[in-house]
C-alpha cells in the first residue's frame, strides 16, 4: 500500500523550492522562468473604434481619468477590463451595440 504521507525526497524537494521562492522574492536569486504579458495598445483600440477618450470611456464604463492613465502607461487594466478591451478590439461596433444605454 502506498504511503499517504510525504517521503523524505519529496519533503527535501519542497523545502528547496520554498527556499528558492524566498530567495527570488528577495532578489537574491533569479527566477528560471519569467512570464510577461504585453498590455494592449488601448489608444489603438480606441482609435479603431473611432471614439474620443470621453466616448470610449463611457462605452466601456470607466472614467476618462482611468482611460488616460491606461493610454499613458501609468496604470494597466486588469481582469474584466482586459477581457472587455480584447472584445472591443475584435468588434467595437458589437460592444457598442450591446453596451449602449437607452
N, C-alpha and C. Protein backbone atom coordinates (compact mmCIF):
# COMPACT_ATOMS: atom_id res chain seq x y z
N UNK A 1 0.84 -1.19 0.00
CA UNK A 1 0.00 0.00 0.00
C UNK A 1 0.88 1.25 0.00
N UNK A 2 0.54 2.21 -0.85
CA UNK A 2 1.33 3.43 -0.95
C UNK A 2 1.19 4.26 0.31
N UNK A 3 2.30 4.86 0.68
CA UNK A 3 2.31 5.73 1.86
C UNK A 3 1.52 7.00 1.55
N UNK A 4 0.63 7.42 2.43
CA UNK A 4 -0.19 8.60 2.22
C UNK A 4 0.56 9.89 2.52
N UNK A 5 1.70 9.77 3.16
CA UNK A 5 2.43 10.94 3.58
C UNK A 5 3.63 11.19 2.69
N UNK A 6 4.20 12.36 2.82
CA UNK A 6 5.35 12.77 2.04
C UNK A 6 6.59 12.00 2.49
N UNK A 7 7.34 11.48 1.52
CA UNK A 7 8.58 10.81 1.89
C UNK A 7 9.70 11.85 1.99
N UNK A 8 10.88 11.44 2.41
CA UNK A 8 11.99 12.36 2.64
C UNK A 8 12.40 13.10 1.36
N UNK A 9 12.41 12.39 0.25
CA UNK A 9 12.81 13.02 -1.02
C UNK A 9 11.82 14.11 -1.40
N UNK A 10 10.55 13.83 -1.28
CA UNK A 10 9.52 14.81 -1.61
C UNK A 10 9.62 16.02 -0.69
N UNK A 11 9.85 15.77 0.59
CA UNK A 11 9.98 16.87 1.55
C UNK A 11 11.18 17.74 1.21
N UNK A 12 12.32 17.11 0.87
CA UNK A 12 13.53 17.86 0.53
C UNK A 12 13.31 18.73 -0.70
N UNK A 13 12.60 18.20 -1.70
CA UNK A 13 12.30 18.97 -2.91
C UNK A 13 11.40 20.16 -2.59
N UNK A 14 10.41 19.93 -1.74
CA UNK A 14 9.50 21.01 -1.35
C UNK A 14 10.25 22.08 -0.56
N UNK A 15 11.10 21.67 0.34
CA UNK A 15 11.88 22.62 1.13
C UNK A 15 12.80 23.44 0.23
N UNK A 16 13.45 22.79 -0.72
CA UNK A 16 14.34 23.51 -1.65
C UNK A 16 13.55 24.51 -2.48
N UNK A 17 12.38 24.12 -2.95
CA UNK A 17 11.53 25.03 -3.73
C UNK A 17 11.12 26.24 -2.91
N UNK A 18 10.81 26.01 -1.65
CA UNK A 18 10.42 27.10 -0.76
C UNK A 18 11.59 28.06 -0.55
N UNK A 19 12.76 27.51 -0.35
CA UNK A 19 13.96 28.35 -0.17
C UNK A 19 14.22 29.18 -1.43
N UNK A 20 14.05 28.58 -2.59
CA UNK A 20 14.25 29.30 -3.84
C UNK A 20 13.22 30.41 -4.00
N UNK A 21 11.98 30.14 -3.64
CA UNK A 21 10.92 31.15 -3.75
C UNK A 21 11.24 32.35 -2.87
N UNK A 22 11.72 32.10 -1.68
CA UNK A 22 12.09 33.20 -0.77
C UNK A 22 13.24 33.99 -1.36
N UNK A 23 14.25 33.30 -1.89
CA UNK A 23 15.41 33.98 -2.47
C UNK A 23 15.00 34.81 -3.69
N UNK A 24 14.09 34.30 -4.50
CA UNK A 24 13.61 35.06 -5.66
C UNK A 24 12.85 36.30 -5.20
N UNK A 25 12.03 36.15 -4.18
CA UNK A 25 11.26 37.31 -3.69
C UNK A 25 12.16 38.38 -3.08
N UNK A 26 13.34 37.98 -2.60
CA UNK A 26 14.31 38.93 -2.02
C UNK A 26 15.33 39.41 -3.06
N UNK A 27 15.15 38.98 -4.30
CA UNK A 27 16.05 39.34 -5.40
C UNK A 27 17.48 38.87 -5.18
N UNK A 28 17.66 37.78 -4.46
CA UNK A 28 19.00 37.20 -4.31
C UNK A 28 19.18 36.02 -5.24
N UNK A 29 18.14 35.64 -5.96
CA UNK A 29 18.19 34.56 -6.93
C UNK A 29 17.27 34.93 -8.09
N UNK A 30 17.74 34.69 -9.30
CA UNK A 30 16.90 34.97 -10.48
C UNK A 30 15.97 33.79 -10.74
N UNK A 31 14.77 34.11 -11.12
CA UNK A 31 13.80 33.07 -11.47
C UNK A 31 14.26 32.37 -12.74
N UNK A 32 14.00 31.08 -12.82
CA UNK A 32 14.40 30.33 -14.01
C UNK A 32 13.49 30.63 -15.20
N UNK A 33 12.28 31.09 -14.93
CA UNK A 33 11.33 31.46 -15.99
C UNK A 33 10.64 32.75 -15.59
N UNK A 34 10.35 33.54 -16.59
CA UNK A 34 9.58 34.77 -16.37
C UNK A 34 8.47 34.82 -17.41
N UNK A 35 7.32 35.24 -16.98
CA UNK A 35 6.19 35.38 -17.87
C UNK A 35 5.82 36.85 -17.94
N UNK A 36 5.78 37.38 -19.13
CA UNK A 36 5.37 38.76 -19.29
C UNK A 36 4.17 38.79 -20.23
N UNK A 37 3.24 39.61 -19.87
CA UNK A 37 2.05 39.80 -20.69
C UNK A 37 2.12 41.20 -21.27
N UNK A 38 2.08 41.28 -22.57
CA UNK A 38 2.14 42.58 -23.22
C UNK A 38 0.78 43.25 -23.09
N UNK A 39 0.77 44.43 -22.47
CA UNK A 39 -0.51 45.12 -22.32
C UNK A 39 -1.04 45.56 -23.69
N UNK A 40 -2.34 45.60 -23.84
CA UNK A 40 -2.90 46.01 -25.13
C UNK A 40 -2.63 47.49 -25.39
N UNK A 41 -2.59 47.86 -26.65
CA UNK A 41 -2.45 49.26 -27.04
C UNK A 41 -3.85 49.87 -27.01
N UNK A 42 -4.17 50.44 -25.88
CA UNK A 42 -5.54 50.91 -25.65
C UNK A 42 -5.89 52.09 -26.55
N UNK A 43 -4.94 52.97 -26.79
CA UNK A 43 -5.21 54.09 -27.70
C UNK A 43 -5.53 53.57 -29.09
N UNK A 44 -4.83 52.54 -29.54
CA UNK A 44 -5.10 51.97 -30.86
C UNK A 44 -6.48 51.32 -30.90
N UNK A 45 -6.85 50.65 -29.82
CA UNK A 45 -8.19 50.04 -29.75
C UNK A 45 -9.25 51.13 -29.83
N UNK A 46 -9.03 52.21 -29.07
CA UNK A 46 -9.99 53.32 -29.08
C UNK A 46 -10.06 53.97 -30.45
N UNK A 47 -8.91 54.15 -31.09
CA UNK A 47 -8.90 54.77 -32.42
C UNK A 47 -9.59 53.88 -33.45
N UNK A 48 -9.40 52.57 -33.34
CA UNK A 48 -10.09 51.63 -34.24
C UNK A 48 -11.60 51.74 -34.05
N UNK A 49 -12.01 51.97 -32.82
CA UNK A 49 -13.44 52.13 -32.54
C UNK A 49 -13.94 53.51 -32.96
N UNK A 50 -13.00 54.38 -33.37
CA UNK A 50 -13.33 55.74 -33.82
C UNK A 50 -14.06 56.53 -32.74
N UNK A 51 -13.48 56.49 -31.52
CA UNK A 51 -14.10 57.16 -30.38
C UNK A 51 -13.13 58.14 -29.75
N UNK A 52 -13.67 59.22 -29.22
CA UNK A 52 -12.87 60.12 -28.39
C UNK A 52 -12.62 59.42 -27.06
N UNK A 53 -11.71 59.96 -26.27
CA UNK A 53 -11.47 59.36 -24.96
C UNK A 53 -12.75 59.36 -24.13
N UNK A 54 -13.48 60.45 -24.18
CA UNK A 54 -14.70 60.55 -23.39
C UNK A 54 -15.74 59.51 -23.83
N UNK A 55 -15.92 59.39 -25.13
CA UNK A 55 -16.92 58.43 -25.64
C UNK A 55 -16.50 56.99 -25.38
N UNK A 56 -15.21 56.68 -25.56
CA UNK A 56 -14.74 55.31 -25.34
C UNK A 56 -14.84 54.95 -23.86
N UNK A 57 -14.45 55.87 -22.98
CA UNK A 57 -14.55 55.62 -21.54
C UNK A 57 -16.00 55.34 -21.15
N UNK A 58 -16.92 56.15 -21.67
CA UNK A 58 -18.35 55.96 -21.38
C UNK A 58 -18.81 54.59 -21.91
N UNK A 59 -18.35 54.23 -23.12
CA UNK A 59 -18.77 52.98 -23.74
C UNK A 59 -18.36 51.76 -22.92
N UNK A 60 -17.15 51.79 -22.35
CA UNK A 60 -16.68 50.62 -21.60
C UNK A 60 -16.89 50.75 -20.09
N UNK A 61 -17.45 51.88 -19.66
CA UNK A 61 -17.82 52.02 -18.26
C UNK A 61 -16.68 52.35 -17.30
N UNK A 62 -15.71 53.14 -17.79
CA UNK A 62 -14.63 53.59 -16.90
C UNK A 62 -14.57 55.10 -16.95
N UNK A 63 -13.87 55.68 -16.01
CA UNK A 63 -13.71 57.14 -16.02
C UNK A 63 -12.70 57.53 -17.09
N UNK A 64 -12.81 58.77 -17.55
CA UNK A 64 -11.85 59.28 -18.53
C UNK A 64 -10.45 59.27 -17.94
N UNK A 65 -10.34 59.57 -16.65
CA UNK A 65 -9.04 59.54 -15.99
C UNK A 65 -8.41 58.16 -16.02
N UNK A 66 -9.21 57.14 -15.79
CA UNK A 66 -8.71 55.77 -15.85
C UNK A 66 -8.23 55.44 -17.25
N UNK A 67 -9.03 55.79 -18.25
CA UNK A 67 -8.64 55.54 -19.64
C UNK A 67 -7.35 56.27 -19.98
N UNK A 68 -7.22 57.52 -19.57
CA UNK A 68 -5.99 58.27 -19.84
C UNK A 68 -4.78 57.62 -19.17
N UNK A 69 -4.97 57.18 -17.94
CA UNK A 69 -3.87 56.50 -17.24
C UNK A 69 -3.45 55.23 -17.97
N UNK A 70 -4.41 54.48 -18.48
CA UNK A 70 -4.09 53.28 -19.25
C UNK A 70 -3.34 53.65 -20.52
N UNK A 71 -3.85 54.63 -21.25
CA UNK A 71 -3.24 55.01 -22.52
C UNK A 71 -1.83 55.57 -22.33
N UNK A 72 -1.60 56.25 -21.23
CA UNK A 72 -0.29 56.86 -20.98
C UNK A 72 0.65 55.93 -20.21
N UNK A 73 0.19 54.71 -19.92
CA UNK A 73 1.04 53.72 -19.28
C UNK A 73 1.26 53.90 -17.79
N UNK A 74 0.52 54.81 -17.18
CA UNK A 74 0.66 54.99 -15.73
C UNK A 74 -0.03 53.88 -14.95
N UNK A 75 -1.06 53.31 -15.54
CA UNK A 75 -1.79 52.19 -14.94
C UNK A 75 -2.02 51.16 -16.02
N UNK A 76 -2.35 49.94 -15.60
CA UNK A 76 -2.64 48.87 -16.55
C UNK A 76 -3.99 48.27 -16.22
N UNK A 77 -4.81 48.04 -17.24
CA UNK A 77 -6.10 47.40 -16.98
C UNK A 77 -5.87 45.97 -16.52
N UNK A 78 -6.76 45.49 -15.68
CA UNK A 78 -6.64 44.13 -15.15
C UNK A 78 -7.98 43.42 -15.26
N UNK A 79 -7.95 42.11 -15.15
CA UNK A 79 -9.13 41.27 -15.05
C UNK A 79 -10.19 41.54 -16.10
N UNK A 80 -11.42 41.85 -15.65
CA UNK A 80 -12.53 42.04 -16.58
C UNK A 80 -12.29 43.16 -17.57
N UNK A 81 -11.57 44.21 -17.17
CA UNK A 81 -11.28 45.31 -18.09
C UNK A 81 -10.43 44.81 -19.26
N UNK A 82 -9.45 43.96 -18.98
CA UNK A 82 -8.64 43.39 -20.05
C UNK A 82 -9.48 42.55 -21.00
N UNK A 83 -10.37 41.76 -20.43
CA UNK A 83 -11.23 40.92 -21.26
C UNK A 83 -12.12 41.79 -22.15
N UNK A 84 -12.70 42.82 -21.58
CA UNK A 84 -13.57 43.71 -22.36
C UNK A 84 -12.79 44.40 -23.46
N UNK A 85 -11.58 44.86 -23.16
CA UNK A 85 -10.76 45.52 -24.17
C UNK A 85 -10.42 44.57 -25.32
N UNK A 86 -10.20 43.31 -24.99
CA UNK A 86 -9.92 42.33 -26.03
C UNK A 86 -11.14 42.16 -26.94
N UNK A 87 -12.32 42.13 -26.34
CA UNK A 87 -13.55 42.02 -27.13
C UNK A 87 -13.76 43.27 -27.97
N UNK A 88 -13.53 44.44 -27.39
CA UNK A 88 -13.67 45.69 -28.13
C UNK A 88 -12.71 45.71 -29.32
N UNK A 89 -11.48 45.23 -29.10
CA UNK A 89 -10.51 45.25 -30.20
C UNK A 89 -10.94 44.34 -31.35
N UNK A 90 -11.69 43.29 -31.04
CA UNK A 90 -12.15 42.37 -32.08
C UNK A 90 -13.37 42.91 -32.83
N UNK A 91 -14.28 43.59 -32.11
CA UNK A 91 -15.51 44.05 -32.75
C UNK A 91 -16.10 45.23 -31.97
N UNK A 92 -15.55 46.43 -32.17
CA UNK A 92 -16.02 47.58 -31.40
C UNK A 92 -17.50 47.90 -31.62
N UNK A 93 -17.99 47.71 -32.83
CA UNK A 93 -19.40 48.02 -33.11
C UNK A 93 -20.33 47.11 -32.32
N UNK A 94 -19.95 45.84 -32.21
CA UNK A 94 -20.76 44.89 -31.44
C UNK A 94 -20.81 45.30 -29.97
N UNK A 95 -19.66 45.63 -29.41
CA UNK A 95 -19.62 46.03 -27.99
C UNK A 95 -20.44 47.29 -27.77
N UNK A 96 -20.30 48.24 -28.68
CA UNK A 96 -21.08 49.47 -28.54
C UNK A 96 -22.58 49.18 -28.58
N UNK A 97 -22.98 48.29 -29.49
CA UNK A 97 -24.39 47.93 -29.61
C UNK A 97 -24.90 47.25 -28.34
N UNK A 98 -24.11 46.30 -27.82
CA UNK A 98 -24.53 45.54 -26.64
C UNK A 98 -24.54 46.40 -25.38
N UNK A 99 -23.55 47.26 -25.25
CA UNK A 99 -23.42 48.06 -24.03
C UNK A 99 -24.14 49.40 -24.08
N UNK A 100 -24.75 49.72 -25.21
CA UNK A 100 -25.43 51.01 -25.36
C UNK A 100 -26.53 51.15 -24.32
N UNK A 101 -26.57 52.30 -23.73
CA UNK A 101 -27.65 52.57 -22.76
C UNK A 101 -28.78 53.29 -23.51
N UNK A 102 -29.98 52.96 -23.13
CA UNK A 102 -31.15 53.56 -23.79
C UNK A 102 -31.60 54.80 -23.07
